[in-house]
N, C-alpha and C. Protein backbone atom coordinates (compact mmCIF):
# COMPACT_ATOMS: atom_id res chain seq x y z
N UNK A 1 -36.08 -39.87 32.71
CA UNK A 1 -35.90 -38.79 34.17
C UNK A 1 -34.18 -38.77 33.65
N UNK A 2 -33.88 -37.70 33.37
CA UNK A 2 -32.36 -37.28 33.58
C UNK A 2 -31.25 -37.26 34.82
N UNK A 3 -30.48 -37.89 35.21
CA UNK A 3 -29.61 -37.92 36.23
C UNK A 3 -28.70 -37.10 36.36
N UNK A 4 -28.72 -36.43 37.43
CA UNK A 4 -27.63 -35.46 37.87
C UNK A 4 -26.79 -35.66 38.99
N UNK A 5 -25.91 -35.30 38.78
CA UNK A 5 -24.92 -35.31 39.39
C UNK A 5 -24.80 -34.22 41.01
N UNK A 6 -25.04 -34.55 42.04
CA UNK A 6 -25.17 -34.05 43.40
C UNK A 6 -23.72 -32.84 43.13
N UNK A 7 -24.02 -31.57 42.31
CA UNK A 7 -23.05 -30.97 43.26
C UNK A 7 -23.96 -29.32 42.87
N UNK A 8 -23.48 -28.37 42.76
CA UNK A 8 -24.16 -27.25 42.63
C UNK A 8 -23.51 -26.70 41.31
N UNK A 9 -24.80 -25.69 40.48
CA UNK A 9 -24.26 -24.68 39.62
C UNK A 9 -23.90 -23.73 39.85
N UNK A 10 -22.59 -23.34 39.52
CA UNK A 10 -22.28 -22.24 39.58
C UNK A 10 -21.36 -20.82 39.08
N UNK A 11 -21.55 -19.80 38.49
CA UNK A 11 -21.15 -18.97 37.90
C UNK A 11 -21.20 -17.42 38.80
N UNK A 12 -20.16 -16.56 37.98
CA UNK A 12 -19.64 -15.43 38.35
C UNK A 12 -20.04 -14.46 37.50
N UNK A 13 -20.71 -13.49 37.77
CA UNK A 13 -20.96 -12.31 37.43
C UNK A 13 -19.89 -11.04 37.91
N UNK A 14 -19.26 -9.98 36.71
CA UNK A 14 -18.59 -9.28 37.20
C UNK A 14 -18.16 -8.13 36.16
N UNK A 15 -17.95 -6.99 36.60
CA UNK A 15 -17.38 -5.90 35.87
C UNK A 15 -16.12 -5.21 35.82
N UNK A 16 -15.71 -4.24 34.90
CA UNK A 16 -14.29 -4.22 35.14
C UNK A 16 -14.66 -2.31 34.46
N UNK A 17 -13.86 -1.55 35.07
CA UNK A 17 -14.08 0.02 34.37
C UNK A 17 -13.05 0.17 33.78
N UNK A 18 -12.70 1.37 32.68
CA UNK A 18 -12.26 1.92 31.55
C UNK A 18 -10.78 1.38 31.80
N UNK A 19 -10.10 1.75 33.27
CA UNK A 19 -8.83 1.06 33.84
C UNK A 19 -8.77 -0.38 33.97
N UNK A 20 -9.52 -1.26 33.82
CA UNK A 20 -9.90 -2.36 33.83
C UNK A 20 -9.45 -2.71 35.13
N UNK A 21 -10.08 -2.16 35.99
CA UNK A 21 -10.16 -2.56 37.94
C UNK A 21 -11.68 -2.91 38.03
N UNK A 22 -11.53 -3.97 38.69
CA UNK A 22 -12.88 -4.57 39.34
C UNK A 22 -13.66 -3.40 39.47
N UNK A 23 -14.99 -3.50 39.34
CA UNK A 23 -16.01 -2.27 39.71
C UNK A 23 -16.99 -3.30 40.89
N UNK A 24 -17.35 -2.87 42.08
CA UNK A 24 -18.29 -3.07 43.00
C UNK A 24 -17.77 -4.85 43.07
N UNK A 25 -19.09 -5.33 43.86
CA UNK A 25 -18.52 -6.81 44.37
C UNK A 25 -18.35 -7.72 43.18
N UNK A 26 -18.01 -8.80 43.46
CA UNK A 26 -18.06 -10.06 42.29
C UNK A 26 -19.32 -10.72 42.61
N UNK A 27 -20.58 -10.89 41.68
CA UNK A 27 -21.56 -12.08 42.44
C UNK A 27 -20.86 -13.49 42.03
N UNK A 28 -20.91 -13.92 42.93
CA UNK A 28 -21.02 -15.52 42.92
C UNK A 28 -22.65 -16.15 43.07
N UNK A 29 -23.06 -16.49 41.73
CA UNK A 29 -24.23 -17.48 42.06
C UNK A 29 -24.19 -18.82 41.96
N UNK A 30 -24.97 -19.27 42.91
CA UNK A 30 -25.25 -21.14 42.85
C UNK A 30 -26.60 -21.31 43.16
N UNK A 31 -27.08 -22.69 42.53
CA UNK A 31 -28.04 -23.07 42.69
C UNK A 31 -28.04 -24.42 42.41
N UNK A 32 -29.09 -25.28 42.92
CA UNK A 32 -28.96 -26.43 42.25
C UNK A 32 -30.87 -27.21 41.58
N UNK A 33 -31.07 -26.95 40.31
CA UNK A 33 -32.01 -26.80 40.16
C UNK A 33 -32.51 -28.16 39.85
N UNK A 34 -32.29 -29.46 40.02
CA UNK A 34 -32.62 -30.68 40.16
C UNK A 34 -33.48 -31.57 41.09
N UNK A 35 -34.04 -30.64 41.68
CA UNK A 35 -34.87 -31.56 42.72
C UNK A 35 -36.37 -31.24 42.62
N UNK A 36 -36.78 -30.75 41.58
CA UNK A 36 -38.41 -30.93 41.17
C UNK A 36 -38.69 -29.77 41.89
N UNK A 37 -40.28 -29.46 42.01
CA UNK A 37 -40.46 -28.16 42.25
C UNK A 37 -39.82 -27.61 43.88
N UNK A 38 -39.47 -28.06 44.54
CA UNK A 38 -38.65 -27.67 45.75
C UNK A 38 -37.02 -27.36 45.63
N UNK A 39 -36.75 -27.15 44.40
CA UNK A 39 -35.29 -26.60 44.20
C UNK A 39 -34.68 -25.82 44.91
N UNK A 40 -33.08 -25.91 44.93
CA UNK A 40 -33.20 -24.77 45.44
C UNK A 40 -32.64 -23.18 44.32
N UNK A 41 -33.15 -22.68 44.41
CA UNK A 41 -33.14 -21.33 43.37
C UNK A 41 -31.68 -20.73 43.35
N UNK A 42 -31.31 -20.03 42.66
CA UNK A 42 -30.39 -19.54 42.30
C UNK A 42 -29.99 -18.23 43.54
N UNK A 43 -28.57 -18.48 44.33
CA UNK A 43 -28.61 -17.74 45.27
C UNK A 43 -27.45 -16.68 45.21
N UNK A 44 -27.47 -15.41 45.46
CA UNK A 44 -25.98 -14.60 45.51
C UNK A 44 -25.11 -14.28 46.53
N UNK A 45 -24.03 -14.84 46.14
CA UNK A 45 -22.92 -14.05 47.33
C UNK A 45 -22.28 -12.90 46.88
N UNK A 46 -22.24 -11.66 47.36
CA UNK A 46 -21.80 -10.70 46.72
C UNK A 46 -20.08 -11.08 47.60
N UNK A 47 -19.21 -11.12 47.14
CA UNK A 47 -17.74 -11.02 47.58
C UNK A 47 -17.25 -9.76 46.77
N UNK A 48 -16.87 -8.80 47.92
CA UNK A 48 -16.25 -7.22 47.83
C UNK A 48 -14.89 -7.59 47.23
N UNK A 49 -14.39 -6.45 46.24
CA UNK A 49 -13.04 -6.28 45.93
C UNK A 49 -12.32 -6.36 46.76
N UNK A 50 -12.26 -5.65 47.99
CA UNK A 50 -11.53 -5.74 49.11
C UNK A 50 -11.33 -7.12 49.75
N UNK A 51 -12.52 -7.87 49.67
CA UNK A 51 -12.25 -9.28 50.24
C UNK A 51 -11.96 -10.13 49.82
N UNK A 52 -11.15 -9.83 48.74
CA UNK A 52 -10.94 -11.24 47.55
C UNK A 52 -9.25 -10.81 47.46
N UNK A 53 -8.16 -12.09 47.29
CA UNK A 53 -6.75 -12.00 47.44
C UNK A 53 -6.47 -11.15 46.22
N UNK A 54 -5.47 -10.63 46.00
CA UNK A 54 -4.83 -10.04 44.92
C UNK A 54 -4.78 -11.36 43.66
N UNK A 55 -4.61 -12.58 44.07
CA UNK A 55 -4.28 -13.53 43.16
C UNK A 55 -5.73 -13.83 42.20
N UNK A 56 -6.68 -13.79 43.22
CA UNK A 56 -8.16 -13.82 42.57
C UNK A 56 -8.72 -12.56 42.17
N UNK A 57 -8.31 -11.59 42.26
CA UNK A 57 -8.53 -10.46 41.40
C UNK A 57 -7.59 -10.45 40.32
N UNK A 58 -6.60 -10.57 40.36
CA UNK A 58 -5.93 -10.92 39.19
C UNK A 58 -6.34 -11.88 37.85
N UNK A 59 -6.75 -12.99 38.22
CA UNK A 59 -7.16 -14.04 37.39
C UNK A 59 -8.35 -13.28 37.19
N UNK A 60 -9.39 -12.63 37.40
CA UNK A 60 -10.91 -12.14 37.02
C UNK A 60 -10.05 -11.21 36.29
N UNK A 61 -9.49 -10.46 36.23
CA UNK A 61 -8.73 -9.29 35.21
C UNK A 61 -8.15 -10.09 34.06
N UNK A 62 -7.38 -11.13 34.41
CA UNK A 62 -6.85 -11.66 33.06
C UNK A 62 -7.87 -12.55 32.37
N UNK A 63 -9.20 -12.94 32.89
CA UNK A 63 -10.02 -13.63 32.11
C UNK A 63 -10.87 -12.48 31.41
N UNK A 64 -10.99 -11.69 31.73
CA UNK A 64 -11.83 -10.26 31.02
C UNK A 64 -10.63 -9.88 29.68
N UNK A 65 -9.09 -9.93 30.25
CA UNK A 65 -8.40 -9.34 29.12
C UNK A 65 -8.43 -10.47 28.00
N UNK A 66 -8.35 -11.81 28.47
CA UNK A 66 -8.30 -12.73 27.46
C UNK A 66 -9.78 -12.69 26.54
N UNK A 67 -10.37 -12.19 27.01
CA UNK A 67 -11.87 -12.34 26.10
C UNK A 67 -12.19 -10.83 25.52
N UNK A 68 -11.54 -9.71 25.96
CA UNK A 68 -11.70 -8.64 25.37
C UNK A 68 -10.64 -8.36 24.40
N UNK A 69 -9.53 -9.72 24.16
CA UNK A 69 -8.21 -9.68 22.91
C UNK A 69 -8.93 -10.54 21.87
N UNK A 70 -10.41 -10.70 22.36
CA UNK A 70 -10.72 -11.54 20.98
C UNK A 70 -12.07 -10.97 20.18
N UNK A 71 -12.32 -9.63 21.07
CA UNK A 71 -13.33 -9.28 20.27
C UNK A 71 -12.88 -8.63 19.10
N UNK A 72 -13.68 -9.06 17.97
CA UNK A 72 -13.72 -8.66 16.55
C UNK A 72 -13.66 -7.22 16.22
N UNK A 73 -12.60 -6.55 15.59
CA UNK A 73 -12.46 -5.01 15.16
C UNK A 73 -14.29 -4.96 14.43
N UNK A 74 -14.44 -3.93 15.15
CA UNK A 74 -16.02 -3.61 14.14
C UNK A 74 -15.99 -3.33 12.93
N UNK A 75 -17.28 -3.76 12.10
CA UNK A 75 -16.52 -2.93 10.59
C UNK A 75 -17.16 -1.56 10.70
N UNK A 76 -16.63 -1.04 9.71
CA UNK A 76 -17.25 0.61 9.64
C UNK A 76 -18.67 0.67 9.18
N UNK A 77 -19.29 1.80 9.26
CA UNK A 77 -20.41 2.03 9.41
C UNK A 77 -20.46 3.21 8.12
N UNK A 78 -21.10 2.55 6.85
CA UNK A 78 -21.12 3.56 5.59
C UNK A 78 -22.45 4.83 6.20
N UNK A 79 -22.23 6.09 6.15
CA UNK A 79 -23.08 6.59 6.08
C UNK A 79 -22.85 7.61 4.81
N UNK A 80 -23.88 8.34 4.30
CA UNK A 80 -23.89 9.21 2.89
C UNK A 80 -22.68 9.88 2.51
N UNK A 81 -22.23 10.47 3.70
CA UNK A 81 -20.82 11.42 2.92
C UNK A 81 -19.26 10.73 4.20
N UNK A 82 -19.71 9.95 4.97
CA UNK A 82 -18.61 9.52 5.75
C UNK A 82 -18.83 8.23 5.81
N UNK A 83 -17.44 7.19 6.33
CA UNK A 83 -17.52 6.24 7.19
C UNK A 83 -17.10 6.49 8.88
N UNK A 84 -17.68 5.94 9.43
CA UNK A 84 -17.18 6.19 10.58
C UNK A 84 -17.15 4.67 11.29
N UNK A 85 -16.10 4.32 12.50
CA UNK A 85 -15.64 3.28 13.27
C UNK A 85 -16.05 3.12 14.41
N UNK A 86 -17.28 2.02 14.50
CA UNK A 86 -17.77 1.71 15.87
C UNK A 86 -16.75 1.79 17.22
N UNK A 87 -17.28 2.43 17.88
CA UNK A 87 -16.34 2.44 18.84
C UNK A 87 -17.04 1.24 19.96
N UNK A 88 -15.60 0.41 20.89
CA UNK A 88 -16.13 -0.41 21.79
C UNK A 88 -16.16 -0.13 22.89
N UNK A 89 -17.26 -0.32 23.87
CA UNK A 89 -17.28 -0.46 25.25
C UNK A 89 -17.78 -1.83 25.63
N UNK A 90 -17.00 -1.83 26.79
CA UNK A 90 -17.58 -3.83 27.42
C UNK A 90 -18.29 -3.45 28.29
N UNK A 91 -18.55 -4.60 28.58
CA UNK A 91 -19.83 -4.58 29.37
C UNK A 91 -19.47 -5.90 30.61
N UNK A 92 -20.53 -6.51 31.15
CA UNK A 92 -20.09 -7.44 32.06
C UNK A 92 -19.80 -8.82 31.49
N UNK A 93 -19.42 -9.54 32.72
CA UNK A 93 -18.56 -10.56 32.11
C UNK A 93 -19.28 -12.21 33.28
N UNK A 94 -19.28 -12.84 32.46
CA UNK A 94 -20.36 -14.09 33.48
C UNK A 94 -19.08 -15.22 32.97
N UNK A 95 -18.67 -15.95 33.90
CA UNK A 95 -18.03 -17.20 33.88
C UNK A 95 -18.28 -18.06 34.59
N UNK A 96 -18.73 -19.25 33.89
CA UNK A 96 -19.49 -20.37 34.11
C UNK A 96 -18.39 -21.43 34.61
N UNK A 97 -18.53 -21.66 36.03
CA UNK A 97 -17.90 -22.92 36.63
C UNK A 97 -18.16 -24.39 36.81
N UNK A 98 -19.38 -24.23 36.97
CA UNK A 98 -20.40 -25.76 36.98
C UNK A 98 -21.62 -25.18 36.86
N UNK A 99 -21.95 -26.39 35.92
CA UNK A 99 -23.23 -26.36 34.91
C UNK A 99 -23.59 -27.68 34.63
N UNK A 100 -24.38 -28.53 34.93
CA UNK A 100 -24.32 -29.65 34.78
C UNK A 100 -24.98 -30.11 33.39
N UNK A 101 -25.90 -29.14 32.83
CA UNK A 101 -26.23 -29.20 31.18
C UNK A 101 -25.32 -28.76 30.35
N UNK A 102 -23.99 -28.25 30.82
CA UNK A 102 -23.24 -27.68 29.86
C UNK A 102 -21.90 -28.04 30.23
N UNK A 103 -21.89 -29.01 31.04
CA UNK A 103 -20.55 -29.85 31.68
C UNK A 103 -19.37 -30.34 30.31
N UNK A 104 -19.98 -30.39 29.30
CA UNK A 104 -18.77 -30.95 28.18
C UNK A 104 -17.92 -29.65 27.57
N UNK A 105 -18.50 -28.34 27.99
CA UNK A 105 -18.07 -27.18 27.40
C UNK A 105 -17.35 -26.62 28.14
N UNK A 106 -17.48 -26.97 29.90
CA UNK A 106 -17.12 -26.13 30.73
C UNK A 106 -15.66 -25.88 30.11
N UNK A 107 -14.76 -24.45 30.64
CA UNK A 107 -15.52 -23.39 31.16
C UNK A 107 -15.70 -22.51 30.32
N UNK A 108 -16.80 -22.08 30.49
CA UNK A 108 -17.48 -21.05 29.43
C UNK A 108 -17.32 -19.62 30.17
N UNK A 109 -16.78 -18.76 29.36
CA UNK A 109 -16.52 -16.97 29.75
C UNK A 109 -17.48 -16.50 28.52
N UNK A 110 -18.43 -15.32 29.03
CA UNK A 110 -19.02 -14.56 28.22
C UNK A 110 -18.85 -12.97 28.36
N UNK A 111 -18.28 -12.63 27.21
CA UNK A 111 -17.99 -10.71 27.47
C UNK A 111 -19.17 -10.18 26.83
N UNK A 112 -20.00 -9.31 27.30
CA UNK A 112 -21.09 -8.55 26.51
C UNK A 112 -19.94 -7.25 26.39
N UNK A 113 -20.14 -6.63 25.07
CA UNK A 113 -19.76 -5.44 24.60
C UNK A 113 -20.88 -4.56 23.53
N UNK A 114 -20.43 -3.63 23.37
CA UNK A 114 -21.13 -2.83 22.97
C UNK A 114 -20.35 -1.76 21.55
N UNK A 115 -21.08 -1.96 20.67
CA UNK A 115 -20.19 -1.53 19.36
C UNK A 115 -21.26 -0.22 19.24
N UNK A 116 -20.64 1.01 19.64
CA UNK A 116 -21.43 2.41 19.72
C UNK A 116 -20.86 3.20 18.37
N UNK A 117 -22.00 3.88 17.84
CA UNK A 117 -21.58 4.98 17.28
C UNK A 117 -22.76 5.92 17.51
N UNK A 118 -21.57 7.02 18.18
CA UNK A 118 -22.45 8.60 18.42
C UNK A 118 -22.93 8.77 17.18
N UNK A 119 -22.44 8.99 16.68
CA UNK A 119 -23.17 9.91 15.31
C UNK A 119 -24.39 9.06 14.79
N UNK A 120 -24.84 8.10 15.35
CA UNK A 120 -26.13 7.83 14.67
C UNK A 120 -27.14 7.43 16.05
N UNK A 121 -26.54 7.73 17.44
CA UNK A 121 -27.01 7.44 18.39
C UNK A 121 -27.45 5.36 18.32
N UNK A 122 -26.24 5.04 18.19
CA UNK A 122 -26.69 3.35 17.80
C UNK A 122 -25.88 2.91 18.72
N UNK A 123 -26.03 1.62 19.42
CA UNK A 123 -25.65 0.99 20.44
C UNK A 123 -26.09 -0.53 20.22
N UNK A 124 -25.07 -1.38 19.71
CA UNK A 124 -25.70 -2.93 19.76
C UNK A 124 -24.55 -3.67 20.17
N UNK A 125 -25.35 -4.49 21.26
CA UNK A 125 -25.06 -5.14 22.16
C UNK A 125 -24.56 -6.80 21.45
N UNK A 126 -23.12 -6.98 21.69
CA UNK A 126 -22.65 -8.40 21.38
C UNK A 126 -22.08 -8.97 22.52
N UNK A 127 -21.47 -10.15 22.21
CA UNK A 127 -20.76 -11.10 22.86
C UNK A 127 -19.71 -11.63 22.27
N UNK A 128 -18.53 -11.96 23.06
CA UNK A 128 -17.50 -13.07 22.63
C UNK A 128 -17.67 -13.66 23.92
N UNK A 129 -17.64 -15.26 23.54
CA UNK A 129 -17.59 -16.24 24.19
C UNK A 129 -16.43 -17.46 23.85
N UNK A 130 -16.17 -17.76 25.42
CA UNK A 130 -15.01 -18.93 24.99
C UNK A 130 -15.86 -20.62 25.55
N UNK A 131 -15.40 -21.36 25.28
CA UNK A 131 -15.78 -22.59 26.06
C UNK A 131 -14.47 -23.37 25.87
N UNK A 132 -14.78 -24.35 26.54
CA UNK A 132 -13.22 -25.36 26.90
C UNK A 132 -12.20 -25.37 25.89
N UNK A 133 -13.01 -25.75 24.58
CA UNK A 133 -11.61 -26.03 23.36
C UNK A 133 -10.90 -24.73 23.19
N UNK A 134 -11.95 -23.40 23.62
CA UNK A 134 -11.38 -22.34 23.15
C UNK A 134 -9.93 -21.56 24.00
N UNK A 135 -9.71 -22.29 25.09
CA UNK A 135 -8.74 -21.28 26.00
C UNK A 135 -7.27 -22.57 25.36
N UNK A 136 -6.41 -21.35 25.64
CA UNK A 136 -5.20 -21.93 25.16
C UNK A 136 -4.56 -22.77 26.50
N UNK A 137 -3.48 -23.20 26.28
CA UNK A 137 -3.08 -24.44 27.83
C UNK A 137 -2.83 -23.45 29.01
N UNK A 138 -2.02 -21.88 28.52
CA UNK A 138 -1.69 -21.07 29.56
C UNK A 138 -3.27 -20.49 30.22
N UNK A 139 -4.06 -20.29 29.31
CA UNK A 139 -5.41 -19.43 29.87
C UNK A 139 -6.26 -20.65 30.29
N UNK A 140 -6.24 -21.31 30.17
CA UNK A 140 -6.95 -22.97 31.09
C UNK A 140 -6.59 -22.73 32.45
N UNK A 141 -5.21 -22.47 32.56
CA UNK A 141 -4.71 -22.84 34.08
C UNK A 141 -5.34 -21.66 34.55
N UNK A 142 -5.32 -20.28 34.55
CA UNK A 142 -5.92 -19.23 34.98
C UNK A 142 -7.55 -19.49 35.21
N UNK A 143 -8.20 -19.79 34.05
CA UNK A 143 -9.66 -20.71 34.07
C UNK A 143 -9.81 -21.71 35.37
N UNK A 144 -9.01 -22.73 35.23
CA UNK A 144 -8.99 -23.98 36.27
C UNK A 144 -8.91 -23.09 37.67
N UNK A 145 -8.08 -22.24 37.93
CA UNK A 145 -7.93 -21.53 39.24
C UNK A 145 -9.33 -21.04 39.62
N UNK A 146 -9.80 -20.20 38.59
CA UNK A 146 -10.74 -19.42 38.78
C UNK A 146 -12.01 -20.26 39.15
N UNK A 147 -12.12 -21.16 38.53
CA UNK A 147 -13.50 -22.29 38.60
C UNK A 147 -12.87 -22.53 39.94
N UNK A 148 -11.80 -23.35 40.59
CA UNK A 148 -11.68 -23.96 42.00
C UNK A 148 -12.13 -22.77 42.91
N UNK A 149 -11.86 -21.55 42.76
CA UNK A 149 -12.27 -20.39 43.77
C UNK A 149 -13.82 -20.25 43.52
N UNK A 150 -14.69 -20.08 42.44
CA UNK A 150 -15.98 -20.13 42.38
C UNK A 150 -16.29 -20.79 42.91
N UNK A 151 -16.20 -22.02 43.06
CA UNK A 151 -16.97 -23.22 43.80
C UNK A 151 -16.36 -23.17 44.94
N UNK A 152 -15.62 -23.01 45.72
CA UNK A 152 -15.40 -22.96 46.90
C UNK A 152 -15.75 -22.15 47.63
N UNK A 153 -16.50 -20.52 46.78
CA UNK A 153 -16.87 -19.37 47.78
C UNK A 153 -18.45 -19.92 47.71
N UNK A 154 -18.74 -21.04 46.53
CA UNK A 154 -20.22 -20.89 46.38
C UNK A 154 -20.52 -22.30 47.74
N UNK A 155 -19.85 -23.07 47.65
CA UNK A 155 -20.05 -24.29 48.47
C UNK A 155 -20.01 -23.54 50.14
N UNK A 156 -18.87 -22.72 50.43
CA UNK A 156 -19.14 -22.12 51.74
C UNK A 156 -20.44 -21.57 52.16
N UNK A 157 -20.69 -20.70 51.11
CA UNK A 157 -22.20 -20.07 51.40
C UNK A 157 -22.91 -21.44 51.52
N UNK A 158 -23.50 -22.17 50.71
CA UNK A 158 -24.37 -23.56 50.76
C UNK A 158 -24.11 -24.21 52.06
N UNK A 159 -22.87 -24.21 52.51
CA UNK A 159 -22.58 -24.94 54.13
C UNK A 159 -23.16 -24.13 54.91
N UNK A 160 -23.22 -22.85 54.82
CA UNK A 160 -24.00 -22.10 55.74
C UNK A 160 -25.96 -22.22 56.01
N UNK A 161 -26.24 -22.18 54.58
CA UNK A 161 -27.60 -22.27 54.32
C UNK A 161 -27.92 -23.86 54.60
N UNK A 162 -27.23 -24.87 54.12
CA UNK A 162 -27.62 -25.82 54.26
C UNK A 162 -27.06 -26.95 55.38
N UNK A 163 -26.07 -26.57 56.15
CA UNK A 163 -25.57 -27.15 56.84
C UNK A 163 -26.02 -28.14 57.76
N UNK A 164 -27.18 -28.13 58.17
CA UNK A 164 -28.17 -29.15 59.27
C UNK A 164 -28.43 -30.61 58.32
N UNK A 165 -28.31 -30.20 57.20
CA UNK A 165 -28.88 -31.34 56.34
C UNK A 165 -27.81 -32.09 55.41
N UNK A 166 -26.52 -31.38 55.98
CA UNK A 166 -25.50 -32.02 54.81
C UNK A 166 -25.11 -33.44 55.84
N UNK A 167 -24.30 -34.42 55.13
CA UNK A 167 -24.03 -35.44 55.40
C UNK A 167 -22.41 -35.52 55.63
N UNK A 168 -21.99 -35.75 56.47
CA UNK A 168 -20.27 -35.92 56.54
C UNK A 168 -19.62 -36.96 55.76
């Protein structure tokens, strides 16, 4: 039987628009899946963009820009009488702050994006992913602060949910 530390697995999901502004609420997700059949299933905390500090929204945007900057240039698509360059459209971003099964590689960030070739009605989903060793020192500072915020939001929600059972 595996031994796990007693902390919540936490991550966030969020999206940005074409102007790189946060869209809708940020979803902070947490759970504890190591208690057997009665585990704490994933819980979702919706954090409205208007309810977060400028520093936190700036960090979310910075992580998005870091990953967006690592999207490789798409390869041109050869058609019978033309070469077409796919267009890139970004999708959702997931940032894993705590996960006991991936602890050695955290933080992990994953940005989904689409290579779109409208002439062929083709859209291919891809992803760019960063793990602990991929962050530059400056990027790691941003990631560390974002991790702390995510864990704090999840913990506050968990205390409301499980407060009577917590030991001091």
